Amino acid sequence: PKLYGEVPEAQRNVATFRNVIIAAFGFTLITELVFMVCGYGRFGASVESTLLSSYAFEPLSLACWVCMAANIACTYPIVFQAARSSILATLKQALGPRLPPIDRGVFTAALV
């Protein structure tokens, strides 16, 4: 993976990289489970898929919606760039010399 290739050669170790990935996914899983249990505990079976939808419309819940929108707006380009690079690398590897030159701007617009 690109992330693994960015680790300095002297520090690159597959076992360490695997353990870091497992720890990151484990932390994410535990965090999500805590939010699910808290949402269910607060609202019971009537909890909405987006927890913020379960709260009444008031200034604090609106502030949370704005923060969530800012989070999405700021992280989407990072995730999208990685996906675009992976798709292009896969196409180049699969098609090799048969792959016509691809304009990154046109390709990006097509993905969006």
PDB file of N, CA and C in Angstrom:
ATOM      1  N   PRO A   1       0.817  -1.194   0.000  1.00  0.00           N
ATOM      2  CA  PRO A   1       0.000   0.000   0.000  1.00  0.00           C
ATOM      3  C   PRO A   1       0.866   1.266   0.000  1.00  0.00           C
ATOM      4  N   LYS A   2       0.301   2.337  -0.486  1.00  0.00           N
ATOM      5  CA  LYS A   2       1.025   3.606  -0.558  1.00  0.00           C
ATOM      6  C   LYS A   2       1.512   4.035   0.822  1.00  0.00           C
ATOM      7  N   LEU A   3       0.677   3.875   1.833  1.00  0.00           N
ATOM      8  CA  LEU A   3       1.033   4.275   3.184  1.00  0.00           C
ATOM      9  C   LEU A   3       2.270   3.515   3.667  1.00  0.00           C
ATOM     10  N   TYR A   4       2.339   2.230   3.385  1.00  0.00           N
ATOM     11  CA  TYR A   4       3.484   1.409   3.778  1.00  0.00           C
ATOM     12  C   TYR A   4       4.740   1.867   3.056  1.00  0.00           C
ATOM     13  N   GLY A   5       4.616   2.233   1.795  1.00  0.00           N
ATOM     14  CA  GLY A   5       5.755   2.695   1.018  1.00  0.00           C
ATOM     15  C   GLY A   5       6.301   4.023   1.510  1.00  0.00           C
ATOM     16  N   GLU A   6       5.501   4.796   2.211  1.00  0.00           N
ATOM     17  CA  GLU A   6       5.946   6.087   2.721  1.00  0.00           C
ATOM     18  C   GLU A   6       6.712   5.984   4.036  1.00  0.00           C
ATOM     19  N   VAL A   7       6.704   4.805   4.654  1.00  0.00           N
ATOM     20  CA  VAL A   7       7.471   4.598   5.883  1.00  0.00           C
ATOM     21  C   VAL A   7       8.947   4.521   5.496  1.00  0.00           C
ATOM     22  N   PRO A   8       9.836   5.206   6.240  1.00  0.00           N
ATOM     23  CA  PRO A   8      11.260   5.126   5.912  1.00  0.00           C
ATOM     24  C   PRO A   8      11.752   3.683   5.872  1.00  0.00           C
ATOM     25  N   GLU A   9      12.641   3.403   4.939  1.00  0.00           N
ATOM     26  CA  GLU A   9      13.136   2.032   4.707  1.00  0.00           C
ATOM     27  C   GLU A   9      13.654   1.386   5.990  1.00  0.00           C
ATOM     28  N   ALA A  10      14.371   2.142   6.806  1.00  0.00           N
ATOM     29  CA  ALA A  10      14.956   1.581   8.023  1.00  0.00           C
ATOM     30  C   ALA A  10      13.892   1.169   9.043  1.00  0.00           C
ATOM     31  N   GLN A  11      12.716   1.781   8.977  1.00  0.00           N
ATOM     32  CA  GLN A  11      11.661   1.490   9.943  1.00  0.00           C
ATOM     33  C   GLN A  11      10.566   0.591   9.364  1.00  0.00           C
ATOM     34  N   ARG A  12      10.676   0.229   8.101  1.00  0.00           N
ATOM     35  CA  ARG A  12       9.635  -0.541   7.431  1.00  0.00           C
ATOM     36  C   ARG A  12       9.681  -1.999   7.899  1.00  0.00           C
ATOM     37  N   ASN A  13       8.551  -2.470   8.415  1.00  0.00           N
ATOM     38  CA  ASN A  13       8.445  -3.834   8.904  1.00  0.00           C
ATOM     39  C   ASN A  13       6.995  -4.281   8.727  1.00  0.00           C
ATOM     40  N   VAL A  14       6.796  -5.386   8.043  1.00  0.00           N
ATOM     41  CA  VAL A  14       5.434  -5.847   7.749  1.00  0.00           C
ATOM     42  C   VAL A  14       4.669  -6.175   9.029  1.00  0.00           C
ATOM     43  N   ALA A  15       5.325  -6.825   9.979  1.00  0.00           N
ATOM     44  CA  ALA A  15       4.637  -7.200  11.220  1.00  0.00           C
ATOM     45  C   ALA A  15       4.194  -5.957  11.995  1.00  0.00           C
ATOM     46  N   THR A  16       5.043  -4.960  12.077  1.00  0.00           N
ATOM     47  CA  THR A  16       4.686  -3.722  12.777  1.00  0.00           C
ATOM     48  C   THR A  16       3.549  -3.007  12.057  1.00  0.00           C
ATOM     49  N   PHE A  17       3.635  -2.945  10.734  1.00  0.00           N
ATOM     50  CA  PHE A  17       2.585  -2.300   9.951  1.00  0.00           C
ATOM     51  C   PHE A  17       1.247  -3.012  10.165  1.00  0.00           C
ATOM     52  N   ARG A  18       1.271  -4.343  10.152  1.00  0.00           N
ATOM     53  CA  ARG A  18       0.055  -5.126  10.382  1.00  0.00           C
ATOM     54  C   ARG A  18      -0.522  -4.825  11.757  1.00  0.00           C
ATOM     55  N   ASN A  19       0.337  -4.762  12.777  1.00  0.00           N
ATOM     56  CA  ASN A  19      -0.138  -4.495  14.137  1.00  0.00           C
ATOM     57  C   ASN A  19      -0.735  -3.098  14.267  1.00  0.00           C
ATOM     58  N   VAL A  20      -0.140  -2.117  13.596  1.00  0.00           N
ATOM     59  CA  VAL A  20      -0.679  -0.758  13.623  1.00  0.00           C
ATOM     60  C   VAL A  20      -2.051  -0.719  12.960  1.00  0.00           C
ATOM     61  N   ILE A  21      -2.190  -1.407  11.827  1.00  0.00           N
ATOM     62  CA  ILE A  21      -3.480  -1.452  11.126  1.00  0.00           C
ATOM     63  C   ILE A  21      -4.537  -2.140  11.988  1.00  0.00           C
ATOM     64  N   ILE A  22      -4.181  -3.242  12.602  1.00  0.00           N
ATOM     65  CA  ILE A  22      -5.122  -3.956  13.476  1.00  0.00           C
ATOM     66  C   ILE A  22      -5.529  -3.066  14.648  1.00  0.00           C
ATOM     67  N   ALA A  23      -4.571  -2.361  15.246  1.00  0.00           N
ATOM     68  CA  ALA A  23      -4.882  -1.473  16.367  1.00  0.00           C
ATOM     69  C   ALA A  23      -5.798  -0.329  15.923  1.00  0.00           C
ATOM     70  N   ALA A  24      -5.537   0.237  14.747  1.00  0.00           N
ATOM     71  CA  ALA A  24      -6.361   1.346  14.251  1.00  0.00           C
ATOM     72  C   ALA A  24      -7.793   0.887  13.984  1.00  0.00           C
ATOM     73  N   PHE A  25      -7.943  -0.263  13.314  1.00  0.00           N
ATOM     74  CA  PHE A  25      -9.290  -0.769  13.055  1.00  0.00           C
ATOM     75  C   PHE A  25      -9.976  -1.184  14.350  1.00  0.00           C
ATOM     76  N   GLY A  26      -9.220  -1.743  15.289  1.00  0.00           N
ATOM     77  CA  GLY A  26      -9.792  -2.113  16.587  1.00  0.00           C
ATOM     78  C   GLY A  26     -10.287  -0.905  17.353  1.00  0.00           C
ATOM     79  N   PHE A  27      -9.497   0.168  17.360  1.00  0.00           N
ATOM     80  CA  PHE A  27      -9.899   1.404  18.024  1.00  0.00           C
ATOM     81  C   PHE A  27     -11.167   1.972  17.386  1.00  0.00           C
ATOM     82  N   THR A  28     -11.204   1.958  16.059  1.00  0.00           N
ATOM     83  CA  THR A  28     -12.379   2.458  15.343  1.00  0.00           C
ATOM     84  C   THR A  28     -13.605   1.622  15.674  1.00  0.00           C
ATOM     85  N   LEU A  29     -13.460   0.317  15.691  1.00  0.00           N
ATOM     86  CA  LEU A  29     -14.574  -0.577  16.009  1.00  0.00           C
ATOM     87  C   LEU A  29     -15.098  -0.316  17.414  1.00  0.00           C
ATOM     88  N   ILE A  30     -14.200  -0.197  18.379  1.00  0.00           N
ATOM     89  CA  ILE A  30     -14.615   0.042  19.765  1.00  0.00           C
ATOM     90  C   ILE A  30     -15.322   1.390  19.884  1.00  0.00           C
ATOM     91  N   THR A  31     -14.781   2.410  19.215  1.00  0.00           N
ATOM     92  CA  THR A  31     -15.407   3.730  19.253  1.00  0.00           C
ATOM     93  C   THR A  31     -16.823   3.685  18.677  1.00  0.00           C
ATOM     94  N   GLU A  32     -16.981   3.028  17.536  1.00  0.00           N
ATOM     95  CA  GLU A  32     -18.306   2.899  16.919  1.00  0.00           C
ATOM     96  C   GLU A  32     -19.266   2.130  17.827  1.00  0.00           C
ATOM     97  N   LEU A  33     -18.788   1.062  18.446  1.00  0.00           N
ATOM     98  CA  LEU A  33     -19.649   0.284  19.342  1.00  0.00           C
ATOM     99  C   LEU A  33     -20.103   1.117  20.537  1.00  0.00           C
ATOM    100  N   VAL A  34     -19.207   1.924  21.097  1.00  0.00           N
ATOM    101  CA  VAL A  34     -19.570   2.785  22.223  1.00  0.00           C
ATOM    102  C   VAL A  34     -20.664   3.765  21.796  1.00  0.00           C
ATOM    103  N   PHE A  35     -20.513   4.370  20.614  1.00  0.00           N
ATOM    104  CA  PHE A  35     -21.541   5.301  20.130  1.00  0.00           C
ATOM    105  C   PHE A  35     -22.866   4.587  19.880  1.00  0.00           C
ATOM    106  N   MET A  36     -22.800   3.377  19.347  1.00  0.00           N
ATOM    107  CA  MET A  36     -24.046   2.632  19.107  1.00  0.00           C
ATOM    108  C   MET A  36     -24.761   2.318  20.415  1.00  0.00           C
ATOM    109  N   VAL A  37     -24.020   1.856  21.398  1.00  0.00           N
ATOM    110  CA  VAL A  37     -24.621   1.511  22.688  1.00  0.00           C
ATOM    111  C   VAL A  37     -25.178   2.770  23.369  1.00  0.00           C
ATOM    112  N   CYS A  38     -24.429   3.873  23.313  1.00  0.00           N
ATOM    113  CA  CYS A  38     -24.914   5.117  23.914  1.00  0.00           C
ATOM    114  C   CYS A  38     -26.173   5.627  23.204  1.00  0.00           C
ATOM    115  N   GLY A  39     -26.189   5.553  21.879  1.00  0.00           N
ATOM    116  CA  GLY A  39     -27.376   5.973  21.131  1.00  0.00           C
ATOM    117  C   GLY A  39     -28.573   5.112  21.465  1.00  0.00           C
ATOM    118  N   TYR A  40     -28.361   3.807  21.551  1.00  0.00           N
ATOM    119  CA  TYR A  40     -29.467   2.912  21.900  1.00  0.00           C
ATOM    120  C   TYR A  40     -29.912   3.148  23.340  1.00  0.00           C
ATOM    121  N   GLY A  41     -28.947   3.374  24.241  1.00  0.00           N
ATOM    122  CA  GLY A  41     -29.295   3.634  25.637  1.00  0.00           C
ATOM    123  C   GLY A  41     -30.068   4.923  25.808  1.00  0.00           C
ATOM    124  N   ARG A  42     -29.752   5.931  25.009  1.00  0.00           N
ATOM    125  CA  ARG A  42     -30.419   7.240  25.119  1.00  0.00           C
ATOM    126  C   ARG A  42     -31.798   7.233  24.474  1.00  0.00           C
ATOM    127  N   PHE A  43     -31.924   6.591  23.307  1.00  0.00           N
ATOM    128  CA  PHE A  43     -33.169   6.678  22.543  1.00  0.00           C
ATOM    129  C   PHE A  43     -33.919   5.357  22.412  1.00  0.00           C
ATOM    130  N   GLY A  44     -33.352   4.265  22.847  1.00  0.00           N
ATOM    131  CA  GLY A  44     -34.014   2.963  22.725  1.00  0.00           C
ATOM    132  C   GLY A  44     -34.091   2.519  21.275  1.00  0.00           C
ATOM    133  N   ALA A  45     -35.102   1.755  20.959  1.00  0.00           N
ATOM    134  CA  ALA A  45     -35.236   1.200  19.608  1.00  0.00           C
ATOM    135  C   ALA A  45     -35.623   2.258  18.578  1.00  0.00           C
ATOM    136  N   SER A  46     -36.017   3.441  19.018  1.00  0.00           N
ATOM    137  CA  SER A  46     -36.452   4.472  18.076  1.00  0.00           C
ATOM    138  C   SER A  46     -35.301   5.365  17.606  1.00  0.00           C
ATOM    139  N   VAL A  47     -34.062   4.971  17.858  1.00  0.00           N
ATOM    140  CA  VAL A  47     -32.918   5.781  17.453  1.00  0.00           C
ATOM    141  C   VAL A  47     -32.822   5.824  15.922  1.00  0.00           C
ATOM    142  N   GLU A  48     -32.510   7.012  15.403  1.00  0.00           N
ATOM    143  CA  GLU A  48     -32.367   7.195  13.958  1.00  0.00           C
ATOM    144  C   GLU A  48     -30.988   6.695  13.512  1.00  0.00           C
ATOM    145  N   SER A  49     -30.850   6.460  12.211  1.00  0.00           N
ATOM    146  CA  SER A  49     -29.557   5.989  11.709  1.00  0.00           C
ATOM    147  C   SER A  49     -28.472   7.040  11.907  1.00  0.00           C
ATOM    148  N   THR A  50     -28.820   8.304  11.790  1.00  0.00           N
ATOM    149  CA  THR A  50     -27.916   9.384  12.149  1.00  0.00           C
ATOM    150  C   THR A  50     -28.352   9.873  13.518  1.00  0.00           C
ATOM    151  N   LEU A  51     -27.510   9.691  14.486  1.00  0.00           N
ATOM    152  CA  LEU A  51     -27.866   9.974  15.875  1.00  0.00           C
ATOM    153  C   LEU A  51     -28.372  11.401  16.063  1.00  0.00           C
ATOM    154  N   LEU A  52     -27.808  12.340  15.331  1.00  0.00           N
ATOM    155  CA  LEU A  52     -28.230  13.735  15.481  1.00  0.00           C
ATOM    156  C   LEU A  52     -29.679  13.956  15.066  1.00  0.00           C
ATOM    157  N   SER A  53     -30.212  13.100  14.208  1.00  0.00           N
ATOM    158  CA  SER A  53     -31.615  13.225  13.795  1.00  0.00           C
ATOM    159  C   SER A  53     -32.572  12.944  14.941  1.00  0.00           C
ATOM    160  N   SER A  54     -32.085  12.264  15.974  1.00  0.00           N
ATOM    161  CA  SER A  54     -32.939  11.915  17.099  1.00  0.00           C
ATOM    162  C   SER A  54     -33.109  13.069  18.080  1.00  0.00           C
ATOM    163  N   TYR A  55     -32.285  14.091  17.967  1.00  0.00           N
ATOM    164  CA  TYR A  55     -32.373  15.235  18.871  1.00  0.00           C
ATOM    165  C   TYR A  55     -33.322  16.290  18.309  1.00  0.00           C
ATOM    166  N   ALA A  56     -33.911  17.063  19.202  1.00  0.00           N
ATOM    167  CA  ALA A  56     -34.792  18.157  18.795  1.00  0.00           C
ATOM    168  C   ALA A  56     -33.957  19.238  18.108  1.00  0.00           C
ATOM    169  N   PHE A  57     -34.602  19.991  17.227  1.00  0.00           N
ATOM    170  CA  PHE A  57     -33.909  21.074  16.528  1.00  0.00           C
ATOM    171  C   PHE A  57     -33.718  22.236  17.493  1.00  0.00           C
ATOM    172  N   GLU A  58     -32.481  22.429  17.905  1.00  0.00           N
ATOM    173  CA  GLU A  58     -32.134  23.514  18.814  1.00  0.00           C
ATOM    174  C   GLU A  58     -30.711  23.957  18.491  1.00  0.00           C
ATOM    175  N   PRO A  59     -30.242  25.062  19.049  1.00  0.00           N
ATOM    176  CA  PRO A  59     -28.925  25.587  18.668  1.00  0.00           C
ATOM    177  C   PRO A  59     -27.768  24.594  18.855  1.00  0.00           C
ATOM    178  N   LEU A  60     -27.777  23.834  19.928  1.00  0.00           N
ATOM    179  CA  LEU A  60     -26.680  22.898  20.163  1.00  0.00           C
ATOM    180  C   LEU A  60     -26.668  21.776  19.123  1.00  0.00           C
ATOM    181  N   SER A  61     -27.840  21.245  18.800  1.00  0.00           N
ATOM    182  CA  SER A  61     -27.876  20.188  17.786  1.00  0.00           C
ATOM    183  C   SER A  61     -27.520  20.749  16.411  1.00  0.00           C
ATOM    184  N   LEU A  62     -27.903  21.993  16.136  1.00  0.00           N
ATOM    185  CA  LEU A  62     -27.516  22.635  14.881  1.00  0.00           C
ATOM    186  C   LEU A  62     -26.003  22.798  14.810  1.00  0.00           C
ATOM    187  N   ALA A  63     -25.375  23.177  15.917  1.00  0.00           N
ATOM    188  CA  ALA A  63     -23.913  23.306  15.960  1.00  0.00           C
ATOM    189  C   ALA A  63     -23.253  21.954  15.675  1.00  0.00           C
ATOM    190  N   CYS A  64     -23.832  20.890  16.198  1.00  0.00           N
ATOM    191  CA  CYS A  64     -23.293  19.545  15.933  1.00  0.00           C
ATOM    192  C   CYS A  64     -23.422  19.195  14.455  1.00  0.00           C
ATOM    193  N   TRP A  65     -24.547  19.553  13.830  1.00  0.00           N
ATOM    194  CA  TRP A  65     -24.725  19.302  12.398  1.00  0.00           C
ATOM    195  C   TRP A  65     -23.688  20.072  11.590  1.00  0.00           C
ATOM    196  N   VAL A  66     -23.432  21.313  11.966  1.00  0.00           N
ATOM    197  CA  VAL A  66     -22.442  22.145  11.259  1.00  0.00           C
ATOM    198  C   VAL A  66     -21.053  21.523  11.407  1.00  0.00           C
ATOM    199  N   CYS A  67     -20.718  21.061  12.607  1.00  0.00           N
ATOM    200  CA  CYS A  67     -19.420  20.400  12.822  1.00  0.00           C
ATOM    201  C   CYS A  67     -19.304  19.122  12.002  1.00  0.00           C
ATOM    202  N   MET A  68     -20.369  18.364  11.915  1.00  0.00           N
ATOM    203  CA  MET A  68     -20.343  17.136  11.120  1.00  0.00           C
ATOM    204  C   MET A  68     -20.168  17.469   9.636  1.00  0.00           C
ATOM    205  N   ALA A  69     -20.838  18.501   9.152  1.00  0.00           N
ATOM    206  CA  ALA A  69     -20.689  18.911   7.754  1.00  0.00           C
ATOM    207  C   ALA A  69     -19.266  19.377   7.478  1.00  0.00           C
ATOM    208  N   ALA A  70     -18.671  20.119   8.399  1.00  0.00           N
ATOM    209  CA  ALA A  70     -17.291  20.568   8.234  1.00  0.00           C
ATOM    210  C   ALA A  70     -16.334  19.386   8.227  1.00  0.00           C
ATOM    211  N   ASN A  71     -16.587  18.405   9.068  1.00  0.00           N
ATOM    212  CA  ASN A  71     -15.763  17.198   9.095  1.00  0.00           C
ATOM    213  C   ASN A  71     -15.796  16.481   7.749  1.00  0.00           C
ATOM    214  N   ILE A  72     -16.985  16.320   7.206  1.00  0.00           N
ATOM    215  CA  ILE A  72     -17.120  15.648   5.911  1.00  0.00           C
ATOM    216  C   ILE A  72     -16.441  16.454   4.813  1.00  0.00           C
ATOM    217  N   ALA A  73     -16.665  17.766   4.815  1.00  0.00           N
ATOM    218  CA  ALA A  73     -16.082  18.623   3.784  1.00  0.00           C
ATOM    219  C   ALA A  73     -14.559  18.615   3.829  1.00  0.00           C
ATOM    220  N   CYS A  74     -13.989  18.507   5.011  1.00  0.00           N
ATOM    221  CA  CYS A  74     -12.532  18.543   5.142  1.00  0.00           C
ATOM    222  C   CYS A  74     -11.871  17.181   4.913  1.00  0.00           C
ATOM    223  N   THR A  75     -12.573  16.090   5.185  1.00  0.00           N
ATOM    224  CA  THR A  75     -11.947  14.773   5.025  1.00  0.00           C
ATOM    225  C   THR A  75     -12.240  14.135   3.673  1.00  0.00           C
ATOM    226  N   TYR A  76     -13.305  14.531   3.009  1.00  0.00           N
ATOM    227  CA  TYR A  76     -13.652  13.913   1.719  1.00  0.00           C
ATOM    228  C   TYR A  76     -12.526  14.020   0.696  1.00  0.00           C
ATOM    229  N   PRO A  77     -11.886  15.174   0.525  1.00  0.00           N
ATOM    230  CA  PRO A  77     -10.816  15.251  -0.468  1.00  0.00           C
ATOM    231  C   PRO A  77      -9.656  14.301  -0.184  1.00  0.00           C
ATOM    232  N   ILE A  78      -9.357  14.074   1.083  1.00  0.00           N
ATOM    233  CA  ILE A  78      -8.263  13.173   1.440  1.00  0.00           C
ATOM    234  C   ILE A  78      -8.606  11.743   1.033  1.00  0.00           C
ATOM    235  N   VAL A  79      -9.796  11.307   1.361  1.00  0.00           N
ATOM    236  CA  VAL A  79     -10.230   9.953   1.015  1.00  0.00           C
ATOM    237  C   VAL A  79     -10.382   9.814  -0.493  1.00  0.00           C
ATOM    238  N   PHE A  80     -10.938  10.830  -1.150  1.00  0.00           N
ATOM    239  CA  PHE A  80     -11.153  10.775  -2.589  1.00  0.00           C
ATOM    240  C   PHE A  80      -9.837  10.682  -3.344  1.00  0.00           C
ATOM    241  N   GLN A  81      -8.820  11.429  -2.906  1.00  0.00           N
ATOM    242  CA  GLN A  81      -7.517  11.400  -3.582  1.00  0.00           C
ATOM    243  C   GLN A  81      -6.917  10.001  -3.508  1.00  0.00           C
ATOM    244  N   ALA A  82      -7.027   9.356  -2.363  1.00  0.00           N
ATOM    245  CA  ALA A  82      -6.501   7.998  -2.218  1.00  0.00           C
ATOM    246  C   ALA A  82      -7.256   7.022  -3.120  1.00  0.00           C
ATOM    247  N   ALA A  83      -8.570   7.161  -3.190  1.00  0.00           N
ATOM    248  CA  ALA A  83      -9.366   6.279  -4.055  1.00  0.00           C
ATOM    249  C   ALA A  83      -9.011   6.495  -5.520  1.00  0.00           C
ATOM    250  N   ARG A  84      -8.884   7.754  -5.940  1.00  0.00           N
ATOM    251  CA  ARG A  84      -8.542   8.062  -7.326  1.00  0.00           C
ATOM    252  C   ARG A  84      -7.173   7.484  -7.686  1.00  0.00           C
ATOM    253  N   SER A  85      -6.194   7.655  -6.809  1.00  0.00           N
ATOM    254  CA  SER A  85      -4.854   7.124  -7.063  1.00  0.00           C
ATOM    255  C   SER A  85      -4.865   5.604  -7.154  1.00  0.00           C
ATOM    256  N   SER A  86      -5.636   4.956  -6.287  1.00  0.00           N
ATOM    257  CA  SER A  86      -5.715   3.489  -6.305  1.00  0.00           C
ATOM    258  C   SER A  86      -6.380   2.983  -7.585  1.00  0.00           C
ATOM    259  N   ILE A  87      -7.441   3.653  -8.005  1.00  0.00           N
ATOM    260  CA  ILE A  87      -8.128   3.243  -9.237  1.00  0.00           C
ATOM    261  C   ILE A  87      -7.208   3.407 -10.437  1.00  0.00           C
ATOM    262  N   LEU A  88      -6.513   4.534 -10.519  1.00  0.00           N
ATOM    263  CA  LEU A  88      -5.593   4.760 -11.635  1.00  0.00           C
ATOM    264  C   LEU A  88      -4.450   3.744 -11.629  1.00  0.00           C
ATOM    265  N   ALA A  89      -3.899   3.447 -10.471  1.00  0.00           N
ATOM    266  CA  ALA A  89      -2.814   2.462 -10.372  1.00  0.00           C
ATOM    267  C   ALA A  89      -3.300   1.071 -10.776  1.00  0.00           C
ATOM    268  N   THR A  90      -4.511   0.721 -10.373  1.00  0.00           N
ATOM    269  CA  THR A  90      -5.072  -0.577 -10.742  1.00  0.00           C
ATOM    270  C   THR A  90      -5.287  -0.669 -12.251  1.00  0.00           C
ATOM    271  N   LEU A  91      -5.818   0.398 -12.840  1.00  0.00           N
ATOM    272  CA  LEU A  91      -6.009   0.415 -14.300  1.00  0.00           C
ATOM    273  C   LEU A  91      -4.682   0.309 -15.037  1.00  0.00           C
ATOM    274  N   LYS A  92      -3.671   1.030 -14.561  1.00  0.00           N
ATOM    275  CA  LYS A  92      -2.360   0.975 -15.206  1.00  0.00           C
ATOM    276  C   LYS A  92      -1.753  -0.412 -15.110  1.00  0.00           C
ATOM    277  N   GLN A  93      -1.930  -1.065 -13.964  1.00  0.00           N
ATOM    278  CA  GLN A  93      -1.378  -2.400 -13.785  1.00  0.00           C
ATOM    279  C   GLN A  93      -2.159  -3.430 -14.611  1.00  0.00           C
ATOM    280  N   ALA A  94      -3.470  -3.294 -14.668  1.00  0.00           N
ATOM    281  CA  ALA A  94      -4.296  -4.268 -15.381  1.00  0.00           C
ATOM    282  C   ALA A  94      -4.170  -4.125 -16.897  1.00  0.00           C
ATOM    283  N   LEU A  95      -4.152  -2.884 -17.384  1.00  0.00           N
ATOM    284  CA  LEU A  95      -4.163  -2.664 -18.828  1.00  0.00           C
ATOM    285  C   LEU A  95      -2.782  -2.392 -19.419  1.00  0.00           C
ATOM    286  N   GLY A  96      -1.851  -1.981 -18.581  1.00  0.00           N
ATOM    287  CA  GLY A  96      -0.488  -1.727 -19.045  1.00  0.00           C
ATOM    288  C   GLY A  96      -0.439  -0.746 -20.196  1.00  0.00           C
ATOM    289  N   PRO A  97       0.260  -1.122 -21.279  1.00  0.00           N
ATOM    290  CA  PRO A  97       0.417  -0.192 -22.403  1.00  0.00           C
ATOM    291  C   PRO A  97      -0.880   0.066 -23.174  1.00  0.00           C
ATOM    292  N   ARG A  98      -1.897  -0.767 -22.973  1.00  0.00           N
ATOM    293  CA  ARG A  98      -3.173  -0.565 -23.674  1.00  0.00           C
ATOM    294  C   ARG A  98      -3.984   0.568 -23.065  1.00  0.00           C
ATOM    295  N   LEU A  99      -3.585   1.044 -21.871  1.00  0.00           N
ATOM    296  CA  LEU A  99      -4.309   2.122 -21.210  1.00  0.00           C
ATOM    297  C   LEU A  99      -3.995   3.442 -21.909  1.00  0.00           C
ATOM    298  N   PRO A 100      -5.014   4.099 -22.450  1.00  0.00           N
ATOM    299  CA  PRO A 100      -4.757   5.388 -23.106  1.00  0.00           C
ATOM    300  C   PRO A 100      -4.387   6.444 -22.066  1.00  0.00           C
ATOM    301  N   PRO A 101      -3.721   7.508 -22.481  1.00  0.00           N
ATOM    302  CA  PRO A 101      -3.404   8.581 -21.525  1.00  0.00           C
ATOM    303  C   PRO A 101      -4.694   9.135 -20.907  1.00  0.00           C
ATOM    304  N   ILE A 102      -4.670   9.290 -19.603  1.00  0.00           N
ATOM    305  CA  ILE A 102      -5.857   9.751 -18.885  1.00  0.00           C
ATOM    306  C   ILE A 102      -5.583  11.128 -18.303  1.00  0.00           C
ATOM    307  N   ASP A 103      -6.439  12.072 -18.631  1.00  0.00           N
ATOM    308  CA  ASP A 103      -6.355  13.410 -18.057  1.00  0.00           C
ATOM    309  C   ASP A 103      -6.923  13.339 -16.642  1.00  0.00           C
ATOM    310  N   ARG A 104      -6.109  13.705 -15.642  1.00  0.00           N
ATOM    311  CA  ARG A 104      -6.543  13.579 -14.243  1.00  0.00           C
ATOM    312  C   ARG A 104      -7.775  14.429 -13.950  1.00  0.00           C
ATOM    313  N   GLY A 105      -7.880  15.589 -14.571  1.00  0.00           N
ATOM    314  CA  GLY A 105      -9.040  16.446 -14.337  1.00  0.00           C
ATOM    315  C   GLY A 105     -10.323  15.813 -14.843  1.00  0.00           C
ATOM    316  N   VAL A 106     -10.272  15.258 -16.053  1.00  0.00           N
ATOM    317  CA  VAL A 106     -11.452  14.601 -16.624  1.00  0.00           C
ATOM    318  C   VAL A 106     -11.802  13.358 -15.807  1.00  0.00           C
ATOM    319  N   PHE A 107     -10.783  12.595 -15.429  1.00  0.00           N
ATOM    320  CA  PHE A 107     -11.011  11.386 -14.636  1.00  0.00           C
ATOM    321  C   PHE A 107     -11.644  11.736 -13.281  1.00  0.00           C
ATOM    322  N   THR A 108     -11.140  12.786 -12.657  1.00  0.00           N
ATOM    323  CA  THR A 108     -11.685  13.229 -11.371  1.00  0.00           C
ATOM    324  C   THR A 108     -13.138  13.663 -11.527  1.00  0.00           C
ATOM    325  N   ALA A 109     -13.438  14.417 -12.576  1.00  0.00           N
ATOM    326  CA  ALA A 109     -14.815  14.854 -12.802  1.00  0.00           C
ATOM    327  C   ALA A 109     -15.732  13.658 -13.038  1.00  0.00           C
ATOM    328  N   ALA A 110     -15.233  12.656 -13.753  1.00  0.00           N
ATOM    329  CA  ALA A 110     -16.039  11.462 -14.012  1.00  0.00           C
ATOM    330  C   ALA A 110     -16.328  10.699 -12.704  1.00  0.00           C
ATOM    331  N   LEU A 111     -15.373  10.659 -11.820  1.00  0.00           N
ATOM    332  CA  LEU A 111     -15.577   9.954 -10.529  1.00  0.00           C
ATOM    333  C   LEU A 111     -16.541  10.691  -9.620  1.00  0.00           C
ATOM    334  N   VAL A 112     -16.476  12.007  -9.658  1.00  0.00           N
ATOM    335  CA  VAL A 112     -17.342  12.811  -8.788  1.00  0.00           C
ATOM    336  C   VAL A 112     -18.744  12.701  -9.288  1.00  0.00           C
TER     337      VAL A 112
END
